[in-house]
Protein backbone atom coordinates (compact mmCIF):
# COMPACT_ATOMS: atom_id res chain seq x y z
CA MET A 1 135.13 110.70 112.66
CA ALA A 2 134.78 108.36 115.46
CA ALA A 3 138.22 106.82 115.03
CA TYR A 4 139.70 110.29 115.20
CA ILE A 5 138.02 110.94 118.41
CA ILE A 6 139.26 107.77 119.86
CA TYR A 7 142.55 108.49 118.70
CA CYS A 8 142.54 111.97 120.45
CA LEU A 9 141.07 110.33 123.67
CA THR A 10 143.62 107.37 123.71
CA GLY A 11 146.16 107.67 121.05
CA GLU A 12 144.92 104.22 119.67
CA GLN A 13 144.22 104.07 116.01
CA VAL A 14 141.17 101.90 115.69
CA SER A 15 137.61 102.07 114.03
CA ASP A 16 134.63 99.74 114.22
CA PRO A 17 133.85 98.15 111.06
CA SER A 18 130.45 99.95 110.08
CA LEU A 19 131.94 103.37 110.19
CA ALA A 20 135.31 102.17 108.31
CA SER A 21 133.09 100.68 105.62
CA ARG A 22 131.52 104.25 104.97
CA THR A 23 134.99 105.31 103.39
CA LEU A 24 134.19 102.62 100.68
CA MET A 25 137.82 101.43 101.09
CA LEU A 26 137.12 98.46 103.37
CA ASP A 27 136.87 94.79 102.19
CA ILE A 28 133.61 94.11 104.19
CA GLY A 29 134.10 90.41 103.90
CA LYS A 30 137.82 90.23 105.20
CA LEU A 31 137.35 93.49 107.36
CA LYS A 32 140.76 94.74 105.95
CA TRP A 33 141.62 97.86 103.99
CA ILE A 34 141.82 97.64 100.22
CA PRO A 35 145.36 98.52 99.11
CA GLU A 36 144.54 99.41 95.70
CA LEU A 37 141.89 102.02 96.88
CA LEU A 38 144.14 103.44 99.68
CA GLU A 39 146.84 104.03 96.89
CA GLU A 40 144.02 105.69 94.75
CA ALA A 41 143.33 108.03 97.37
CA GLY A 42 146.91 108.62 98.12
CA LEU A 43 146.90 106.90 101.61
CA LYS A 44 149.22 104.49 103.40
CA GLU A 45 147.71 101.61 105.17
CA SER A 46 149.84 102.62 108.24
CA THR A 47 147.74 105.75 108.62
CA MET A 48 144.41 104.06 108.63
CA PRO A 49 142.93 102.59 111.86
CA ARG A 50 142.98 99.06 112.65
CA ILE A 51 139.30 97.38 112.54
CA GLY A 52 138.14 96.47 115.99
CA GLU A 53 134.96 94.76 117.30
CA ILE A 54 132.09 96.96 118.58
CA GLY A 55 131.75 96.59 122.42
CA ALA A 56 135.43 96.23 122.74
CA VAL A 57 137.80 98.39 124.75
CA ALA A 58 139.60 100.65 122.26
CA GLY A 59 142.20 102.05 124.83
CA VAL A 60 142.47 103.92 128.15
CA VAL A 61 142.11 107.69 128.05
CA LYS A 62 145.34 109.64 128.07
CA GLN A 63 146.80 111.24 131.31
CA SER A 64 146.34 114.62 129.98
CA ILE A 65 142.93 114.18 128.60
CA ALA A 66 141.85 112.87 131.88
CA GLU A 67 143.17 115.98 133.79
CA GLU A 68 141.77 118.28 131.49
CA LEU A 69 138.21 116.45 131.69
CA ARG A 70 138.66 115.78 135.53
CA ILE A 71 137.78 112.13 135.00
CA PRO A 72 139.81 108.91 136.25
CA CYS A 73 142.90 108.17 134.22
CA THR A 74 141.72 104.54 134.18
CA THR A 75 138.62 105.41 132.29
CA LYS A 76 138.11 103.02 129.23
CA ILE A 77 136.88 104.26 125.78
CA ILE A 78 134.77 101.68 124.11
CA ILE A 79 134.18 100.96 120.31
CA GLY A 80 130.95 101.89 119.31
CA ALA A 81 129.33 101.98 115.89
CA HIS A 82 127.07 103.69 113.46
CA ASP A 83 124.03 105.02 115.24
CA GLN A 84 121.67 102.85 113.37
CA ILE A 85 123.62 99.67 114.54
CA VAL A 86 123.86 100.78 118.06
CA ALA A 87 119.98 101.44 118.10
CA ALA A 88 119.70 97.83 116.63
CA VAL A 89 121.54 96.50 119.49
CA GLY A 90 119.52 98.58 121.74
CA ALA A 91 116.30 97.04 120.48
CA GLY A 92 117.65 93.60 120.99
CA VAL A 93 118.11 93.18 117.09
CA ILE A 94 121.35 91.01 116.81
CA THR A 95 120.41 88.02 114.81
CA ALA A 96 119.43 87.16 111.28
CA GLY A 97 115.68 87.60 110.59
CA SER A 98 115.23 90.32 113.12
CA ALA A 99 114.99 94.06 112.17
CA VAL A 100 114.44 97.27 113.74
CA ASN A 101 112.29 100.09 112.61
CA GLY A 102 113.26 103.57 113.51
CA SER A 103 110.63 105.93 113.26
CA GLY A 104 112.10 109.50 113.67
CA SER A 105 112.18 112.34 111.11
CA VAL A 106 113.59 109.55 108.71
CA GLU A 107 111.69 106.22 108.83
CA SER A 108 114.22 103.39 108.57
CA ILE A 109 114.08 99.57 108.55
CA ASN A 110 117.43 97.80 109.49
CA PRO A 111 117.37 94.04 109.25
CA ILE A 112 120.16 91.54 110.32
CA PHE A 113 121.55 89.11 107.91
CA ASP A 114 124.48 86.69 107.80
CA ASN A 115 124.33 85.87 104.14
CA VAL A 116 122.98 87.26 100.80
CA GLY A 117 121.89 84.92 98.13
CA LYS A 118 121.65 87.78 95.26
CA THR A 119 123.98 90.48 96.13
CA SER A 120 122.98 92.12 92.69
CA ILE A 121 119.59 92.78 94.25
CA LEU A 122 120.93 94.89 96.92
CA TYR A 123 123.50 96.69 94.68
CA ASN A 124 120.84 97.52 91.93
CA ASN A 125 118.31 98.69 94.84
CA ASN A 126 120.85 100.86 96.53
CA PHE A 127 121.01 98.91 99.83
CA ALA A 128 124.22 99.03 101.79
CA LYS A 129 125.75 95.90 103.00
CA VAL A 130 127.40 97.06 106.53
CA PRO A 131 129.37 94.75 108.56
CA MET A 132 128.15 94.80 112.37
CA LEU A 133 129.14 91.79 114.21
CA LYS A 134 131.17 88.58 113.31
CA ASN A 135 129.82 87.36 110.31
CA ARG A 136 126.79 89.45 110.52
CA TYR A 137 125.71 92.48 108.60
CA ILE A 138 122.90 95.06 108.59
CA THR A 139 121.31 97.11 105.65
CA TYR A 140 119.09 100.35 105.53
CA ALA A 141 115.90 100.55 103.95
CA PHE A 142 114.84 104.15 104.58
CA ILE A 143 112.56 107.01 103.49
CA PHE A 144 113.76 110.64 103.81
CA THR A 145 110.46 111.71 105.13
CA GLY A 146 109.07 109.51 107.82
CA GLY A 147 107.97 111.63 110.88
CA ALA A 148 109.20 114.73 109.17
CA LEU A 149 106.33 114.17 106.62
CA LEU A 150 103.69 113.88 109.45
CA GLN A 151 105.14 117.18 111.18
CA TRP A 152 104.94 119.04 107.98
CA PHE A 153 101.19 118.17 107.55
CA ARG A 154 100.60 119.09 111.05
CA ASP A 155 102.36 122.47 110.82
CA ASN A 156 100.70 123.45 107.58
CA PHE A 157 97.16 122.09 107.28
CA THR A 158 95.85 121.32 110.77
CA GLY A 159 94.94 124.83 112.21
CA THR A 160 91.43 123.88 113.04
CA GLN A 161 92.33 120.62 114.62
CA LYS A 162 95.02 121.91 116.59
CA GLN A 163 92.61 124.21 118.02
CA LYS A 164 89.88 121.48 118.80
CA ALA A 165 92.75 119.33 120.22
CA ASP A 166 94.05 122.11 122.60
CA GLU A 167 90.58 122.36 123.65
CA ILE A 168 90.10 118.86 124.60
CA GLY A 169 93.71 118.76 126.14
CA ILE A 170 95.13 116.15 123.82
CA ASP A 171 98.06 115.91 121.49
CA ILE A 172 97.44 116.97 117.84
CA PHE A 173 98.66 113.60 116.52
CA ASN A 174 96.56 111.77 118.86
CA TYR A 175 93.58 114.00 117.81
CA LEU A 176 94.06 113.34 114.22
CA GLU A 177 93.99 109.70 114.76
CA THR A 178 90.77 109.75 116.26
CA THR A 179 89.09 111.48 113.26
CA GLY A 180 90.56 109.14 110.64
CA PRO A 181 88.69 106.02 109.33
CA LYS A 182 88.73 102.98 110.94
CA GLY A 183 90.33 101.07 107.89
CA PRO A 184 92.24 102.04 104.77
CA THR A 185 91.70 105.37 103.37
CA GLY A 186 92.13 104.27 99.67
CA ILE A 187 94.08 107.37 99.15
CA LEU A 188 97.50 106.87 97.67
CA ALA A 189 100.33 108.82 99.23
CA LEU A 190 103.77 108.68 97.63
CA PRO A 191 106.13 110.15 100.49
CA HIS A 192 108.93 111.55 98.36
CA PHE A 193 108.37 114.94 99.74
CA ALA A 194 112.23 115.38 100.11
CA GLY A 195 113.32 112.95 97.37
CA ALA A 196 113.32 109.24 97.29
CA ALA A 197 115.68 107.08 99.28
CA THR A 198 116.00 103.36 98.82
CA PRO A 199 115.54 101.72 96.48
CA TYR A 200 115.45 104.47 94.10
CA MET A 201 117.95 107.02 95.46
CA ASN A 202 116.43 109.99 93.44
CA PRO A 203 116.82 113.33 94.95
CA ASP A 204 114.46 114.68 92.24
CA ALA A 205 111.48 112.72 93.21
CA LYS A 206 108.38 114.43 94.21
CA GLY A 207 105.63 113.46 96.65
CA ALA A 208 102.14 113.10 95.64
CA LEU A 209 98.48 112.42 97.11
CA LEU A 210 95.87 110.58 94.55
CA GLY A 211 92.35 109.69 95.20
CA LEU A 212 91.45 112.85 97.18
CA THR A 213 87.61 113.73 97.27
CA ILE A 214 85.68 116.56 98.80
CA GLU A 215 84.51 114.41 101.50
CA HIS A 216 88.14 113.85 102.93
CA GLY A 217 89.34 115.66 105.76
CA ALA A 218 92.51 116.09 107.62
CA GLY A 219 92.17 112.96 109.64
CA ASP A 220 91.98 111.03 106.20
CA ILE A 221 95.04 112.59 104.77
CA TYR A 222 97.08 112.18 107.92
CA LYS A 223 96.41 108.48 107.83
CA ALA A 224 97.05 108.34 104.23
CA LEU A 225 100.61 109.86 104.74
CA GLN A 226 101.05 107.09 107.61
CA GLU A 227 100.09 104.41 105.03
CA GLY A 228 102.14 105.76 102.29
CA ILE A 229 105.23 105.63 104.61
CA CYS A 230 104.23 101.93 105.22
CA PHE A 231 103.80 101.04 101.63
CA GLU A 232 107.17 102.56 100.61
CA SER A 233 108.62 100.35 103.49
CA ARG A 234 106.79 97.16 102.18
CA LEU A 235 108.38 97.91 98.81
CA ASN A 236 111.77 97.79 100.38
CA ILE A 237 110.96 94.73 102.48
CA GLU A 238 109.88 92.95 99.40
CA LEU A 239 113.02 93.79 97.53
CA LEU A 240 115.39 92.55 100.52
CA ALA A 241 113.33 89.33 100.30
CA LYS A 242 114.26 88.72 96.97
CA ALA A 243 117.78 89.21 97.84
CA GLY A 244 117.41 86.58 100.55
CA ILE A 245 117.17 88.93 103.60
CA SER A 246 113.85 87.91 105.31
CA ILE A 247 112.36 89.56 108.30
CA ASP A 248 110.43 87.37 110.86
CA ASN A 249 109.92 90.07 113.60
CA LEU A 250 110.11 93.97 113.52
CA LYS A 251 111.27 96.05 116.72
CA LEU A 252 109.71 99.55 116.81
CA VAL A 253 111.71 102.37 118.28
CA GLY A 254 111.52 106.03 117.90
CA GLY A 255 108.92 108.71 118.39
CA GLY A 256 106.51 107.04 115.77
CA ALA A 257 106.46 103.91 118.14
CA LYS A 258 104.23 105.68 120.39
CA SER A 259 101.26 105.58 118.09
CA LYS A 260 99.55 102.27 118.48
CA ARG A 261 97.43 102.82 115.35
CA TRP A 262 100.50 103.13 113.36
CA ASN A 263 102.21 100.25 115.01
CA GLN A 264 99.21 98.19 114.05
CA MET A 265 98.98 99.54 110.65
CA LYS A 266 102.45 98.48 109.86
CA ALA A 267 101.84 94.83 111.14
CA ASP A 268 98.83 94.61 108.86
CA ILE A 269 100.76 96.15 106.04
CA TYR A 270 103.99 94.31 106.47
CA GLY A 271 102.39 90.87 107.50
CA ILE A 272 105.09 90.76 110.23
CA PRO A 273 104.67 90.93 113.95
CA CYS A 274 105.71 94.24 115.45
CA THR A 275 106.98 94.81 118.79
CA THR A 276 107.48 97.99 120.97
CA LEU A 277 110.03 98.13 123.64
CA LYS A 278 109.93 99.38 127.21
CA GLY A 279 112.36 102.37 127.07
CA GLU A 280 112.25 105.01 124.26
CA GLU A 281 116.04 105.60 123.64
CA ALA A 282 117.27 102.43 121.81
CA GLY A 283 120.56 104.22 120.91
CA ALA A 284 121.19 104.96 124.59
CA VAL A 285 120.33 101.37 125.50
CA GLY A 286 122.62 99.80 122.93
CA SER A 287 125.58 102.13 124.11
CA ALA A 288 124.88 100.85 127.52
CA VAL A 289 124.90 97.12 126.24
CA LEU A 290 128.23 97.51 124.35
CA ALA A 291 129.79 99.39 127.46
CA GLY A 292 128.72 96.44 129.83
CA LEU A 293 129.96 93.95 127.52
CA ALA A 294 133.38 95.69 127.23
CA LEU A 295 133.57 95.81 131.05
CA HIS A 296 132.62 92.10 131.32
CA LYS A 297 129.38 92.87 133.04
CA PHE A 298 127.95 90.25 130.76
CA ASP A 299 129.46 86.99 129.37
CA ASN A 300 128.25 87.80 125.74
CA LEU A 301 125.99 89.97 123.73
CA GLU A 302 122.99 87.66 124.09
CA GLN A 303 122.85 87.66 127.72
CA ALA A 304 123.26 91.39 127.90
CA VAL A 305 120.33 91.97 125.49
CA THR A 306 118.37 89.61 127.46
CA GLU A 307 118.77 91.24 130.70
CA LEU A 308 118.76 94.93 129.59
CA ILE A 309 116.15 94.96 126.83
CA LYS A 310 112.42 94.25 127.71
CA GLU A 311 109.51 94.02 125.14
CA ASP A 312 106.41 95.85 125.56
CA GLU A 313 103.59 95.33 123.28
CA THR A 314 103.17 93.12 119.99
CA PHE A 315 100.99 93.98 117.22
CA LEU A 316 99.97 91.12 115.09
CA PRO A 317 98.71 91.37 111.55
CA ARG A 318 94.88 91.24 111.05
CA ARG A 319 93.66 89.31 108.23
CA GLU A 320 90.70 91.61 107.41
CA TYR A 321 92.81 94.75 106.88
CA ALA A 322 95.80 92.88 105.67
CA GLU A 323 93.89 91.75 102.48
CA GLU A 324 92.67 95.17 101.96
CA TYR A 325 95.96 96.77 102.22
CA ALA A 326 97.45 94.09 99.82
CA ASN A 327 94.86 95.34 97.07
CA ILE A 328 95.69 98.82 97.86
CA PHE A 329 99.54 98.20 97.98
CA SER A 330 99.18 96.51 94.30
CA ARG A 331 98.12 99.92 92.97
CA TYR A 332 100.94 101.70 94.90
CA LYS A 333 103.77 99.96 93.33
CA LYS A 334 102.90 101.39 90.14
CA LEU A 335 102.81 104.96 91.58
CA TYR A 336 106.44 105.95 91.52
CA LYS A 337 106.97 105.07 87.60
CA THR A 338 103.76 106.74 86.71
CA ILE A 339 104.60 109.95 88.44
CA GLN A 340 107.97 109.91 86.96
CA LYS A 341 106.61 109.96 83.76
CA ILE A 342 104.59 113.10 84.48
């Protein structure tokens, strides 16, 4: 779709590699279309867009378009990328070993890598290998219900708490975080409330809450759901590590990054430093970085990232909680197959 929009605006046939790869007809190593697959689909290579680099000029807007939109006819159209890639750039995640954690309706951890020791592990666990920059790739480890799960709980089970939060004058999410336990809840929450994403890709998977007692309240369950999302993410992180994709640092973006408790929980459960950024819209910042690069406002991507992206707060793993969470995680790893049997 992006290539078509570029074509309509400029008359140029060009696509970035990340969106081109979603056709499943691109050789992601050579960044060239695969003739056999094009032929199978009834397509000719001459009709396909050439593959350009992200942050490069695709072309200049056509005269007719410039007049219709009332913009200068010298306006340049810049090659972008898949939204997760642009958000990674906007978080300063451009080198192997770094990753961005987008916490929106969907929870996604996207690491950068330049080589994979065991491609079969990626394939068998449904991780995509997406071309991003020269000799650099990104993959998506994600959960369908991230923030959407927390909103579902808020909308359906927190009537009393919502009233109290309104009386105090604070956000309901902040209120729930003040009522939960200081340490791990001990409740196992399987966050497959809209099916399971990586590594299972099972649309029929169901969510579950195990270990509830009559003493648990809304704050406990809310925190357990946050923990469950983290445990599922750690499961993905461990599988990526087995494939040779390590994560040394994690940049946190999206609405979920506003929660300091959740940020600290992620550091404790993943065993990785987690850093928030100044500025909330990583995707918009990434777009600005790519545009600035194309217009030669910066010498290179590294300079653009250094000048435009500022870190805010870093959360480090705490040993006392990390060990306790590790014990709970050992039980969590058995949860999916156990539920499947039932």
